[in-house]
Amino acid sequence: MIRIKRVYEPPSPEDGTRILVDRLWPRGVSREAAHLDAWRKELSPSDGLRKWYAHDPAKFARFRERYLKELDEHVDLLSQLTAEARRGRVTLVFAAKEPERSNAAVLKERLDRGKASRRPAAR
């Protein structure tokens, strides 16, 4: 099972394995307070995409589409995360204010659809 949760919410035992999926460390949160098991920067949006999006709700649909394409480059990491979720609960931790328009929500959607094994298209 995969869930998402803001890093600013208190950790709980129900979170299972907590994985930060942001490229930048969240402001105002110590490593101890975050209670993370891993930080997977590689699964976060690229700097260019992150800066372009800037959490503008009008850009979310295009952000989602572009981010899903970026995730195609990380099939092995997605497969590892899927395998970890099969062993127990995984919580994708992020800093964005709007969970439904976060990179964590898009990543969870991708993992829930079982597309982690999809290979990138030939170029």
Protein backbone atom coordinates (compact mmCIF):
# COMPACT_ATOMS: atom_id res chain seq x y z
CA MET A 1 0.00 0.00 0.00
CA ILE A 2 1.26 3.46 -0.94
CA ARG A 3 0.12 6.69 0.68
CA ILE A 4 1.22 10.30 0.49
CA LYS A 5 1.72 12.71 3.37
CA ARG A 6 3.09 16.20 3.88
CA VAL A 7 6.39 16.24 5.72
CA TYR A 8 4.91 18.89 8.03
CA GLU A 9 2.33 16.42 9.36
CA PRO A 10 3.50 14.41 12.38
CA PRO A 11 4.89 10.97 11.55
CA SER A 12 2.91 7.99 12.78
CA PRO A 13 3.50 4.24 13.04
CA GLU A 14 0.84 3.76 10.31
CA ASP A 15 3.17 5.50 7.82
CA GLY A 16 5.35 2.44 7.45
CA THR A 17 8.43 3.25 5.38
CA ARG A 18 8.68 7.04 4.92
CA ILE A 19 10.36 8.19 1.71
CA LEU A 20 10.95 11.84 0.84
CA VAL A 21 10.26 12.36 -2.87
CA ASP A 22 11.21 16.06 -3.21
CA ARG A 23 14.41 17.26 -4.86
CA LEU A 24 15.01 19.93 -2.18
CA TRP A 25 15.02 19.42 1.56
CA PRO A 26 11.79 20.86 3.10
CA ARG A 27 12.21 24.20 4.82
CA GLY A 28 12.06 24.27 8.59
CA VAL A 29 12.16 20.49 9.09
CA SER A 30 15.10 18.77 10.75
CA ARG A 31 16.19 15.35 9.62
CA GLU A 32 15.23 13.98 13.02
CA ALA A 33 11.72 15.49 12.89
CA ALA A 34 11.13 14.16 9.36
CA HIS A 35 11.60 10.53 10.51
CA LEU A 36 12.59 9.40 7.01
CA ASP A 37 13.75 5.98 5.95
CA ALA A 38 15.00 7.21 2.57
CA TRP A 39 15.26 10.27 0.32
CA ARG A 40 14.70 9.48 -3.37
CA LYS A 41 15.65 12.73 -5.13
CA GLU A 42 15.91 10.80 -8.39
CA LEU A 43 12.14 10.24 -8.38
CA SER A 44 11.35 13.93 -7.97
CA PRO A 45 10.70 16.25 -10.91
CA SER A 46 13.78 17.71 -12.59
CA ASP A 47 14.87 21.18 -11.48
CA GLY A 48 13.65 22.63 -14.76
CA LEU A 49 10.21 21.05 -14.48
CA ARG A 50 9.90 21.92 -10.80
CA LYS A 51 10.76 25.57 -11.41
CA TRP A 52 8.47 25.80 -14.45
CA TYR A 53 5.51 24.35 -12.54
CA ALA A 54 6.00 26.48 -9.40
CA HIS A 55 2.81 24.85 -8.04
CA ASP A 56 0.62 26.89 -10.38
CA PRO A 57 -2.75 25.05 -10.46
CA ALA A 58 -3.28 26.11 -14.08
CA LYS A 59 -0.12 24.20 -15.07
CA PHE A 60 -0.84 20.98 -13.16
CA ALA A 61 -2.20 18.92 -16.09
CA ARG A 62 0.86 19.71 -18.20
CA PHE A 63 3.17 19.20 -15.20
CA ARG A 64 1.62 15.77 -14.59
CA GLU A 65 2.13 14.76 -18.21
CA ARG A 66 5.75 15.94 -18.30
CA TYR A 67 6.58 14.41 -14.92
CA LEU A 68 5.17 11.03 -15.94
CA LYS A 69 7.50 11.13 -18.97
CA GLU A 70 10.44 11.91 -16.70
CA LEU A 71 9.54 8.93 -14.53
CA ASP A 72 9.93 6.69 -17.58
CA GLU A 73 13.68 7.21 -17.15
CA HIS A 74 13.62 5.60 -13.69
CA VAL A 75 11.94 2.25 -14.26
CA ASP A 76 14.37 0.40 -11.98
CA LEU A 77 13.77 2.77 -9.06
CA LEU A 78 10.01 2.57 -9.61
CA SER A 79 10.20 -1.21 -9.58
CA GLN A 80 12.16 -1.13 -6.32
CA LEU A 81 9.57 1.14 -4.76
CA THR A 82 6.74 -1.09 -5.96
CA ALA A 83 8.47 -4.13 -4.44
CA GLU A 84 8.93 -2.28 -1.16
CA ALA A 85 5.22 -1.40 -1.11
CA ARG A 86 4.34 -5.07 -1.61
CA ARG A 87 6.26 -5.88 1.57
CA GLY A 88 4.48 -3.22 3.63
CA ARG A 89 3.07 0.27 3.72
CA VAL A 90 5.09 3.03 2.07
CA THR A 91 4.39 6.72 2.61
CA LEU A 92 5.68 9.16 0.00
CA VAL A 93 6.57 12.31 1.90
CA PHE A 94 6.58 15.77 0.28
CA ALA A 95 6.44 19.47 1.19
CA ALA A 96 3.89 20.95 -1.26
CA LYS A 97 0.84 22.64 0.28
CA GLU A 98 -1.70 20.96 -2.03
CA PRO A 99 -1.40 17.17 -1.86
CA GLU A 100 -3.68 16.58 -4.85
CA ARG A 101 -1.42 18.70 -7.08
CA SER A 102 1.93 17.44 -5.81
CA ASN A 103 4.62 15.36 -7.45
CA ALA A 104 3.95 12.74 -4.75
CA ALA A 105 0.34 12.39 -5.95
CA VAL A 106 1.52 11.86 -9.54
CA LEU A 107 4.17 9.35 -8.43
CA LYS A 108 1.59 7.47 -6.33
CA GLU A 109 -0.78 7.40 -9.31
CA ARG A 110 1.98 5.93 -11.48
CA LEU A 111 2.82 3.27 -8.90
CA ASP A 112 -0.85 2.43 -8.22
CA ARG A 113 -1.47 1.86 -11.92
CA GLY A 114 1.28 -0.73 -11.93
CA LYS A 115 3.27 1.02 -14.62
CA ALA A 116 6.57 0.73 -12.80
CA SER A 117 7.66 -2.07 -15.12
CA ARG A 118 6.97 -0.07 -18.29
CA ARG A 119 10.12 0.45 -20.30
CA PRO A 120 10.92 3.85 -21.82
CA ALA A 121 10.11 4.22 -25.51
CA ALA A 122 12.98 4.04 -27.97
CA ARG A 123 14.27 7.42 -29.09
